[in-house]
N, C-alpha and C. Protein backbone atom coordinates (compact mmCIF):
# COMPACT_ATOMS: atom_id res chain seq x y z
N ALA A 1 31.62 -25.52 8.44
CA ALA A 1 30.79 -26.00 7.32
C ALA A 1 31.44 -25.60 6.01
N ASN A 2 31.44 -26.52 5.07
CA ASN A 2 32.05 -26.26 3.78
C ASN A 2 30.99 -25.62 2.88
N VAL A 3 31.20 -24.36 2.53
CA VAL A 3 30.23 -23.66 1.68
C VAL A 3 30.79 -23.57 0.26
N THR A 4 30.07 -24.18 -0.68
CA THR A 4 30.51 -24.11 -2.07
C THR A 4 30.13 -22.75 -2.64
N PRO A 5 30.90 -22.22 -3.59
CA PRO A 5 30.60 -20.88 -4.14
C PRO A 5 29.17 -20.77 -4.68
N GLN A 6 28.61 -21.85 -5.27
CA GLN A 6 27.26 -21.76 -5.84
C GLN A 6 26.20 -21.49 -4.77
N SER A 7 26.40 -21.98 -3.57
CA SER A 7 25.34 -21.83 -2.56
C SER A 7 25.32 -20.42 -1.95
N LYS A 8 26.41 -19.68 -2.12
CA LYS A 8 26.45 -18.33 -1.53
C LYS A 8 25.39 -17.38 -2.10
N PRO A 9 25.30 -17.22 -3.43
CA PRO A 9 24.28 -16.28 -3.94
C PRO A 9 22.86 -16.68 -3.53
N ALA A 10 22.56 -17.97 -3.55
CA ALA A 10 21.22 -18.43 -3.17
C ALA A 10 20.91 -18.00 -1.73
N LYS A 11 21.87 -18.18 -0.85
CA LYS A 11 21.68 -17.79 0.56
C LYS A 11 21.39 -16.30 0.66
N ARG A 12 22.15 -15.50 -0.08
CA ARG A 12 21.95 -14.05 -0.05
C ARG A 12 20.55 -13.69 -0.52
N GLN A 13 20.08 -14.37 -1.57
CA GLN A 13 18.75 -14.08 -2.10
C GLN A 13 17.68 -14.41 -1.06
N VAL A 14 17.82 -15.53 -0.40
CA VAL A 14 16.86 -15.94 0.62
C VAL A 14 16.82 -14.89 1.73
N SER A 15 17.99 -14.40 2.16
CA SER A 15 17.98 -13.43 3.25
C SER A 15 17.34 -12.12 2.80
N ARG A 16 17.46 -11.79 1.50
CA ARG A 16 16.82 -10.57 1.01
C ARG A 16 15.29 -10.73 1.06
N LEU A 17 14.80 -11.92 0.71
CA LEU A 17 13.36 -12.19 0.79
C LEU A 17 12.91 -12.11 2.24
N GLN A 18 13.68 -12.68 3.14
CA GLN A 18 13.29 -12.69 4.55
C GLN A 18 13.25 -11.28 5.12
N ALA A 19 14.06 -10.38 4.59
CA ALA A 19 14.06 -9.01 5.08
C ALA A 19 12.65 -8.41 4.97
N VAL A 20 11.92 -8.81 3.92
CA VAL A 20 10.58 -8.27 3.75
C VAL A 20 9.51 -9.25 4.26
N GLN A 21 9.90 -10.46 4.59
CA GLN A 21 8.95 -11.42 5.19
C GLN A 21 8.83 -11.12 6.68
N LYS A 22 9.46 -10.06 7.12
CA LYS A 22 9.42 -9.63 8.51
C LYS A 22 7.95 -9.53 8.95
N ALA A 23 7.65 -10.07 10.12
CA ALA A 23 6.26 -10.06 10.59
C ALA A 23 5.82 -8.62 10.85
N PRO A 24 4.63 -8.24 10.38
CA PRO A 24 4.15 -6.88 10.66
C PRO A 24 3.82 -6.72 12.14
N PRO A 25 3.91 -5.48 12.63
CA PRO A 25 3.57 -5.24 14.04
C PRO A 25 2.07 -5.45 14.27
N PRO A 26 1.66 -5.65 15.52
CA PRO A 26 0.23 -5.84 15.81
C PRO A 26 -0.58 -4.63 15.36
N ARG A 27 -1.84 -4.88 14.97
CA ARG A 27 -2.72 -3.78 14.57
C ARG A 27 -3.14 -2.98 15.79
N SER A 28 -3.42 -1.70 15.57
CA SER A 28 -3.82 -0.83 16.68
C SER A 28 -5.33 -0.80 16.85
N LYS A 29 -6.07 -0.99 15.75
CA LYS A 29 -7.54 -0.96 15.79
C LYS A 29 -8.07 -1.97 14.79
N SER A 30 -9.37 -2.28 14.89
CA SER A 30 -9.93 -3.28 13.97
C SER A 30 -10.18 -2.70 12.58
N LYS A 31 -10.45 -1.38 12.49
CA LYS A 31 -10.71 -0.75 11.19
C LYS A 31 -9.47 0.01 10.74
N PHE A 32 -9.30 0.12 9.42
CA PHE A 32 -8.20 0.91 8.87
C PHE A 32 -8.53 2.39 8.96
N ASP A 33 -7.50 3.20 9.07
CA ASP A 33 -7.64 4.64 9.09
C ASP A 33 -7.65 5.15 7.65
N TRP A 34 -8.30 6.28 7.40
CA TRP A 34 -8.28 6.90 6.07
C TRP A 34 -6.85 7.36 5.77
N PRO A 35 -6.30 6.97 4.62
CA PRO A 35 -4.92 7.35 4.30
C PRO A 35 -4.79 8.82 3.91
N VAL A 36 -5.89 9.43 3.47
CA VAL A 36 -5.90 10.82 3.06
C VAL A 36 -7.35 11.30 3.16
N ASP A 37 -7.55 12.60 3.39
CA ASP A 37 -8.91 13.13 3.47
C ASP A 37 -9.31 13.70 2.12
N GLY A 38 -10.53 13.41 1.71
CA GLY A 38 -11.02 13.93 0.44
C GLY A 38 -12.18 13.12 -0.06
N PRO A 39 -12.87 13.64 -1.10
CA PRO A 39 -14.01 12.91 -1.65
C PRO A 39 -13.56 11.69 -2.46
N ILE A 40 -14.39 10.65 -2.46
CA ILE A 40 -14.12 9.47 -3.27
C ILE A 40 -14.58 9.78 -4.70
N VAL A 41 -13.64 9.74 -5.66
CA VAL A 41 -14.00 10.05 -7.06
C VAL A 41 -14.24 8.79 -7.88
N SER A 42 -13.80 7.66 -7.39
CA SER A 42 -14.09 6.40 -8.05
C SER A 42 -14.24 5.34 -6.97
N SER A 43 -15.41 4.70 -6.93
CA SER A 43 -15.67 3.72 -5.88
C SER A 43 -15.19 2.33 -6.31
N TYR A 44 -15.21 1.41 -5.39
CA TYR A 44 -14.82 0.02 -5.63
C TYR A 44 -15.85 -0.65 -6.52
N GLY A 45 -15.37 -1.53 -7.41
CA GLY A 45 -16.30 -2.36 -8.17
C GLY A 45 -16.25 -2.14 -9.67
N PRO A 46 -17.20 -2.76 -10.40
CA PRO A 46 -17.21 -2.71 -11.86
C PRO A 46 -17.40 -1.28 -12.37
N LYS A 47 -16.72 -0.97 -13.48
CA LYS A 47 -16.81 0.34 -14.12
C LYS A 47 -17.22 0.17 -15.57
N LYS A 48 -17.58 1.30 -16.21
CA LYS A 48 -17.94 1.28 -17.63
C LYS A 48 -16.82 0.66 -18.45
N GLY A 49 -17.20 -0.05 -19.51
CA GLY A 49 -16.19 -0.60 -20.42
C GLY A 49 -15.51 -1.84 -19.88
N GLY A 50 -16.13 -2.48 -18.87
CA GLY A 50 -15.59 -3.75 -18.39
C GLY A 50 -14.44 -3.64 -17.39
N ALA A 51 -14.05 -2.41 -17.06
CA ALA A 51 -12.96 -2.25 -16.08
C ALA A 51 -13.51 -2.53 -14.67
N HIS A 52 -12.61 -2.74 -13.73
CA HIS A 52 -13.01 -2.97 -12.34
C HIS A 52 -12.04 -2.21 -11.45
N ASN A 53 -12.57 -1.45 -10.52
CA ASN A 53 -11.70 -0.76 -9.57
C ASN A 53 -11.51 -1.68 -8.36
N ASP A 54 -10.26 -2.08 -8.12
CA ASP A 54 -9.94 -2.96 -6.99
C ASP A 54 -9.83 -2.19 -5.69
N GLY A 55 -10.07 -0.90 -5.74
CA GLY A 55 -10.00 -0.08 -4.53
C GLY A 55 -10.89 1.13 -4.67
N ILE A 56 -10.50 2.22 -4.00
CA ILE A 56 -11.21 3.49 -4.14
C ILE A 56 -10.19 4.55 -4.52
N ASN A 57 -10.65 5.59 -5.20
CA ASN A 57 -9.78 6.71 -5.54
C ASN A 57 -10.28 7.94 -4.78
N ILE A 58 -9.37 8.55 -4.03
CA ILE A 58 -9.71 9.68 -3.17
C ILE A 58 -9.02 10.92 -3.73
N LEU A 59 -9.81 11.94 -4.05
CA LEU A 59 -9.27 13.18 -4.60
C LEU A 59 -8.61 13.99 -3.49
N ALA A 60 -7.40 14.49 -3.76
CA ALA A 60 -6.69 15.33 -2.78
C ALA A 60 -5.64 16.14 -3.53
N PRO A 61 -5.30 17.32 -3.04
CA PRO A 61 -4.30 18.13 -3.73
C PRO A 61 -2.92 17.45 -3.78
N ARG A 62 -2.21 17.68 -4.90
CA ARG A 62 -0.87 17.14 -5.06
C ARG A 62 -0.01 17.56 -3.86
N GLY A 63 0.76 16.62 -3.34
CA GLY A 63 1.65 16.93 -2.22
C GLY A 63 1.05 16.67 -0.85
N THR A 64 -0.26 16.37 -0.79
CA THR A 64 -0.91 16.04 0.48
C THR A 64 -0.25 14.78 1.06
N PRO A 65 0.13 14.78 2.34
CA PRO A 65 0.73 13.58 2.93
C PRO A 65 -0.24 12.39 2.90
N VAL A 66 0.27 11.22 2.52
CA VAL A 66 -0.51 9.99 2.53
C VAL A 66 -0.05 9.18 3.74
N ARG A 67 -1.02 8.76 4.57
CA ARG A 67 -0.71 8.09 5.83
C ARG A 67 -0.94 6.59 5.73
N SER A 68 -0.12 5.84 6.43
CA SER A 68 -0.32 4.40 6.52
C SER A 68 -1.63 4.15 7.27
N ALA A 69 -2.49 3.29 6.71
CA ALA A 69 -3.82 3.06 7.27
C ALA A 69 -3.77 2.23 8.55
N GLU A 70 -2.61 1.62 8.82
CA GLU A 70 -2.48 0.78 10.02
C GLU A 70 -1.01 0.44 10.20
N ASN A 71 -0.63 -0.01 11.40
CA ASN A 71 0.74 -0.49 11.63
C ASN A 71 1.06 -1.57 10.60
N GLY A 72 2.25 -1.55 10.05
CA GLY A 72 2.60 -2.57 9.06
C GLY A 72 4.05 -2.48 8.64
N VAL A 73 4.40 -3.31 7.66
CA VAL A 73 5.76 -3.30 7.13
C VAL A 73 5.67 -3.12 5.61
N VAL A 74 6.54 -2.26 5.07
CA VAL A 74 6.53 -1.96 3.64
C VAL A 74 7.10 -3.14 2.87
N VAL A 75 6.30 -3.74 1.96
CA VAL A 75 6.79 -4.86 1.18
C VAL A 75 7.09 -4.47 -0.27
N TYR A 76 6.63 -3.28 -0.68
CA TYR A 76 6.94 -2.80 -2.02
C TYR A 76 6.89 -1.27 -2.04
N ALA A 77 7.85 -0.67 -2.72
CA ALA A 77 7.84 0.78 -2.94
C ALA A 77 8.53 1.01 -4.28
N GLY A 78 7.74 1.38 -5.30
CA GLY A 78 8.33 1.59 -6.62
C GLY A 78 7.29 1.88 -7.68
N ASP A 79 7.70 1.78 -8.95
CA ASP A 79 6.77 2.12 -10.04
C ASP A 79 6.80 1.08 -11.15
N ASP A 80 6.98 -0.21 -10.79
CA ASP A 80 7.07 -1.27 -11.79
C ASP A 80 5.72 -1.80 -12.25
N LEU A 81 4.64 -1.53 -11.50
CA LEU A 81 3.33 -2.08 -11.87
C LEU A 81 2.58 -1.09 -12.75
N LYS A 82 2.33 -1.51 -13.98
CA LYS A 82 1.68 -0.64 -14.97
C LYS A 82 0.33 -0.14 -14.45
N GLY A 83 0.07 1.15 -14.63
CA GLY A 83 -1.22 1.72 -14.26
C GLY A 83 -1.32 2.23 -12.83
N TYR A 84 -0.32 1.92 -12.01
CA TYR A 84 -0.37 2.34 -10.60
C TYR A 84 0.53 3.53 -10.31
N GLY A 85 1.44 3.86 -11.24
CA GLY A 85 2.40 4.93 -10.98
C GLY A 85 3.28 4.55 -9.80
N ASN A 86 3.63 5.54 -8.97
CA ASN A 86 4.41 5.26 -7.77
C ASN A 86 3.51 4.58 -6.76
N LEU A 87 3.89 3.38 -6.35
CA LEU A 87 3.04 2.51 -5.53
C LEU A 87 3.77 2.05 -4.28
N VAL A 88 3.03 2.03 -3.16
CA VAL A 88 3.55 1.48 -1.91
C VAL A 88 2.57 0.40 -1.45
N LEU A 89 3.12 -0.77 -1.08
CA LEU A 89 2.30 -1.86 -0.50
C LEU A 89 2.75 -2.07 0.93
N VAL A 90 1.80 -2.09 1.84
CA VAL A 90 2.10 -2.28 3.26
C VAL A 90 1.39 -3.55 3.74
N LYS A 91 2.19 -4.45 4.34
CA LYS A 91 1.65 -5.71 4.86
C LYS A 91 1.28 -5.50 6.32
N HIS A 92 0.08 -6.00 6.69
CA HIS A 92 -0.42 -5.87 8.06
C HIS A 92 -0.63 -7.26 8.63
N GLU A 93 -0.92 -7.29 9.93
CA GLU A 93 -1.17 -8.55 10.62
C GLU A 93 -2.34 -9.30 9.97
N ASP A 94 -2.33 -10.61 10.10
CA ASP A 94 -3.46 -11.44 9.71
C ASP A 94 -3.75 -11.40 8.20
N ARG A 95 -2.70 -11.43 7.37
CA ARG A 95 -2.80 -11.53 5.90
C ARG A 95 -3.40 -10.31 5.22
N TRP A 96 -3.49 -9.17 5.91
CA TRP A 96 -4.00 -7.94 5.30
C TRP A 96 -2.87 -7.19 4.60
N MET A 97 -3.24 -6.46 3.56
CA MET A 97 -2.29 -5.59 2.89
C MET A 97 -3.04 -4.36 2.40
N THR A 98 -2.40 -3.19 2.45
CA THR A 98 -2.99 -2.00 1.87
C THR A 98 -2.07 -1.50 0.76
N ALA A 99 -2.69 -0.92 -0.28
CA ALA A 99 -1.95 -0.40 -1.43
C ALA A 99 -2.26 1.09 -1.58
N TYR A 100 -1.23 1.85 -1.93
CA TYR A 100 -1.33 3.30 -2.09
C TYR A 100 -0.69 3.64 -3.43
N ALA A 101 -1.51 4.07 -4.42
CA ALA A 101 -0.98 4.27 -5.77
C ALA A 101 -1.11 5.71 -6.25
N HIS A 102 -0.44 6.01 -7.36
CA HIS A 102 -0.38 7.33 -8.01
C HIS A 102 0.34 8.37 -7.16
N LEU A 103 1.23 7.92 -6.27
CA LEU A 103 1.94 8.86 -5.39
C LEU A 103 2.87 9.78 -6.19
N ASP A 104 3.00 11.00 -5.70
CA ASP A 104 3.94 11.95 -6.27
C ASP A 104 5.34 11.58 -5.78
N GLN A 105 5.46 11.44 -4.47
CA GLN A 105 6.74 11.04 -3.88
C GLN A 105 6.52 9.89 -2.92
N ILE A 106 7.50 8.98 -2.88
CA ILE A 106 7.50 7.89 -1.90
C ILE A 106 8.50 8.31 -0.82
N LYS A 107 8.06 8.32 0.43
CA LYS A 107 8.90 8.83 1.52
C LYS A 107 9.47 7.74 2.42
N ILE A 108 9.23 6.48 2.06
CA ILE A 108 9.68 5.37 2.91
C ILE A 108 10.39 4.36 2.02
N SER A 109 10.94 3.31 2.62
CA SER A 109 11.60 2.29 1.80
C SER A 109 11.14 0.90 2.19
N LYS A 110 11.35 -0.03 1.25
CA LYS A 110 10.96 -1.43 1.42
C LYS A 110 11.61 -1.99 2.70
N GLY A 111 10.82 -2.73 3.47
CA GLY A 111 11.34 -3.32 4.70
C GLY A 111 11.12 -2.46 5.93
N GLN A 112 10.72 -1.20 5.71
CA GLN A 112 10.52 -0.28 6.83
C GLN A 112 9.23 -0.62 7.57
N VAL A 113 9.27 -0.53 8.91
CA VAL A 113 8.08 -0.75 9.73
C VAL A 113 7.39 0.60 9.93
N LEU A 114 6.09 0.65 9.66
CA LEU A 114 5.32 1.89 9.77
C LEU A 114 4.32 1.81 10.91
N LYS A 115 4.07 2.96 11.52
CA LYS A 115 3.01 3.08 12.52
C LYS A 115 1.77 3.63 11.82
N ARG A 116 0.60 3.27 12.32
CA ARG A 116 -0.67 3.82 11.82
C ARG A 116 -0.56 5.35 11.81
N GLY A 117 -0.91 5.98 10.68
CA GLY A 117 -0.88 7.43 10.59
C GLY A 117 0.44 8.02 10.13
N GLN A 118 1.48 7.18 10.01
CA GLN A 118 2.79 7.67 9.57
C GLN A 118 2.77 7.99 8.07
N THR A 119 3.39 9.11 7.68
CA THR A 119 3.42 9.49 6.26
C THR A 119 4.29 8.52 5.47
N LEU A 120 3.74 7.99 4.36
CA LEU A 120 4.52 7.08 3.53
C LEU A 120 4.82 7.68 2.15
N GLY A 121 4.11 8.77 1.83
CA GLY A 121 4.35 9.43 0.55
C GLY A 121 3.43 10.62 0.42
N THR A 122 3.35 11.17 -0.81
CA THR A 122 2.48 12.31 -1.05
C THR A 122 1.59 12.04 -2.26
N VAL A 123 0.41 12.65 -2.25
CA VAL A 123 -0.55 12.50 -3.34
C VAL A 123 0.04 13.04 -4.64
N GLY A 124 -0.20 12.29 -5.71
CA GLY A 124 0.27 12.73 -7.02
C GLY A 124 -0.68 12.27 -8.10
N SER A 125 -0.19 12.29 -9.34
CA SER A 125 -1.03 11.86 -10.46
C SER A 125 -0.25 10.95 -11.39
N THR A 126 0.70 10.17 -10.82
CA THR A 126 1.47 9.23 -11.65
C THR A 126 0.52 8.13 -12.10
N GLY A 127 0.28 8.05 -13.40
CA GLY A 127 -0.62 7.02 -13.93
C GLY A 127 -2.07 7.47 -14.07
N VAL A 128 -2.40 8.70 -13.67
CA VAL A 128 -3.77 9.23 -13.80
C VAL A 128 -3.73 10.71 -14.20
N ASP A 129 -4.91 11.27 -14.54
CA ASP A 129 -4.93 12.64 -15.05
C ASP A 129 -4.96 13.74 -13.99
N LYS A 130 -5.54 13.46 -12.80
CA LYS A 130 -5.52 14.50 -11.77
C LYS A 130 -5.11 13.91 -10.43
N PRO A 131 -4.47 14.73 -9.56
CA PRO A 131 -3.96 14.20 -8.29
C PRO A 131 -5.03 13.49 -7.48
N GLN A 132 -4.73 12.27 -7.08
CA GLN A 132 -5.65 11.45 -6.29
C GLN A 132 -4.86 10.28 -5.72
N LEU A 133 -5.44 9.64 -4.72
CA LEU A 133 -4.83 8.44 -4.16
C LEU A 133 -5.72 7.25 -4.51
N HIS A 134 -5.11 6.23 -5.10
CA HIS A 134 -5.80 4.95 -5.30
C HIS A 134 -5.43 4.10 -4.10
N PHE A 135 -6.45 3.64 -3.35
CA PHE A 135 -6.22 2.91 -2.11
C PHE A 135 -6.94 1.57 -2.16
N GLU A 136 -6.21 0.50 -1.84
CA GLU A 136 -6.80 -0.84 -1.83
C GLU A 136 -6.59 -1.51 -0.49
N THR A 137 -7.59 -2.31 -0.09
CA THR A 137 -7.43 -3.20 1.07
C THR A 137 -7.51 -4.62 0.52
N ARG A 138 -6.49 -5.42 0.82
CA ARG A 138 -6.44 -6.79 0.33
C ARG A 138 -6.27 -7.75 1.49
N ARG A 139 -6.86 -8.93 1.35
CA ARG A 139 -6.67 -10.00 2.34
C ARG A 139 -6.21 -11.21 1.56
N GLY A 140 -5.01 -11.67 1.82
CA GLY A 140 -4.43 -12.72 0.98
C GLY A 140 -4.27 -12.14 -0.41
N THR A 141 -4.85 -12.78 -1.42
CA THR A 141 -4.71 -12.27 -2.79
C THR A 141 -5.95 -11.50 -3.24
N ARG A 142 -6.99 -11.44 -2.40
CA ARG A 142 -8.26 -10.80 -2.80
C ARG A 142 -8.33 -9.32 -2.45
N ALA A 143 -8.75 -8.52 -3.44
CA ALA A 143 -9.03 -7.11 -3.18
C ALA A 143 -10.44 -7.00 -2.63
N LEU A 144 -10.59 -6.35 -1.49
CA LEU A 144 -11.89 -6.20 -0.84
C LEU A 144 -12.29 -4.72 -0.83
N ASN A 145 -13.58 -4.46 -0.77
CA ASN A 145 -14.06 -3.09 -0.80
C ASN A 145 -13.61 -2.33 0.45
N PRO A 146 -12.73 -1.31 0.28
CA PRO A 146 -12.20 -0.59 1.44
C PRO A 146 -13.28 0.06 2.30
N SER A 147 -14.42 0.40 1.69
CA SER A 147 -15.49 1.07 2.44
C SER A 147 -15.93 0.26 3.65
N TYR A 148 -15.84 -1.08 3.57
CA TYR A 148 -16.24 -1.92 4.70
C TYR A 148 -15.18 -1.99 5.80
N TYR A 149 -13.94 -1.60 5.46
CA TYR A 149 -12.83 -1.82 6.40
C TYR A 149 -12.21 -0.51 6.91
N LEU A 150 -12.76 0.62 6.43
CA LEU A 150 -12.25 1.92 6.89
C LEU A 150 -13.09 2.40 8.07
N ALA A 151 -12.43 3.05 9.03
CA ALA A 151 -13.13 3.63 10.18
C ALA A 151 -14.06 4.73 9.70
N GLN A 152 -15.09 5.04 10.46
CA GLN A 152 -15.96 6.17 10.15
C GLN A 152 -15.07 7.40 10.08
N ARG A 153 -15.32 8.30 9.12
CA ARG A 153 -14.49 9.51 9.04
C ARG A 153 -14.65 10.31 10.31
N GLY A 154 -13.53 10.81 10.79
CA GLY A 154 -13.54 11.66 11.98
C GLY A 154 -13.65 10.90 13.29
N SER A 155 -13.53 9.53 13.21
CA SER A 155 -13.57 8.78 14.49
C SER A 155 -12.21 8.21 14.80
């Protein structure tokens, strides 16, 4: 096949996208696992001053390991989204995604396949005043209240 120089970079870009379009592994349970243990300091929903929390914020000491809530594949790991600090996005089966924000350290990389309970980073305060984890459950493009999709604590 005759490959013109212009088509080479495009092909490379497509393969880079496909690296993260990798299908996530099957889920292990119907409910997500708690990514970290601690009290919820900000619940899902509307807040004072017109703000809206698209997830929940769980208070935990800096450096506490943050666990993947379910088997999945890492589609983002970085700090480019304003207000989230160090952020990890994990794609799960059936259009689900979980988000883990304000991390102190990110311990995994984009494209990596994670098992439920595997450490993906540590609790921090990047983008907030005290160490906590901002956790979101999303289906397609919609942020849904994690309280409905998390397993009972201790089960």
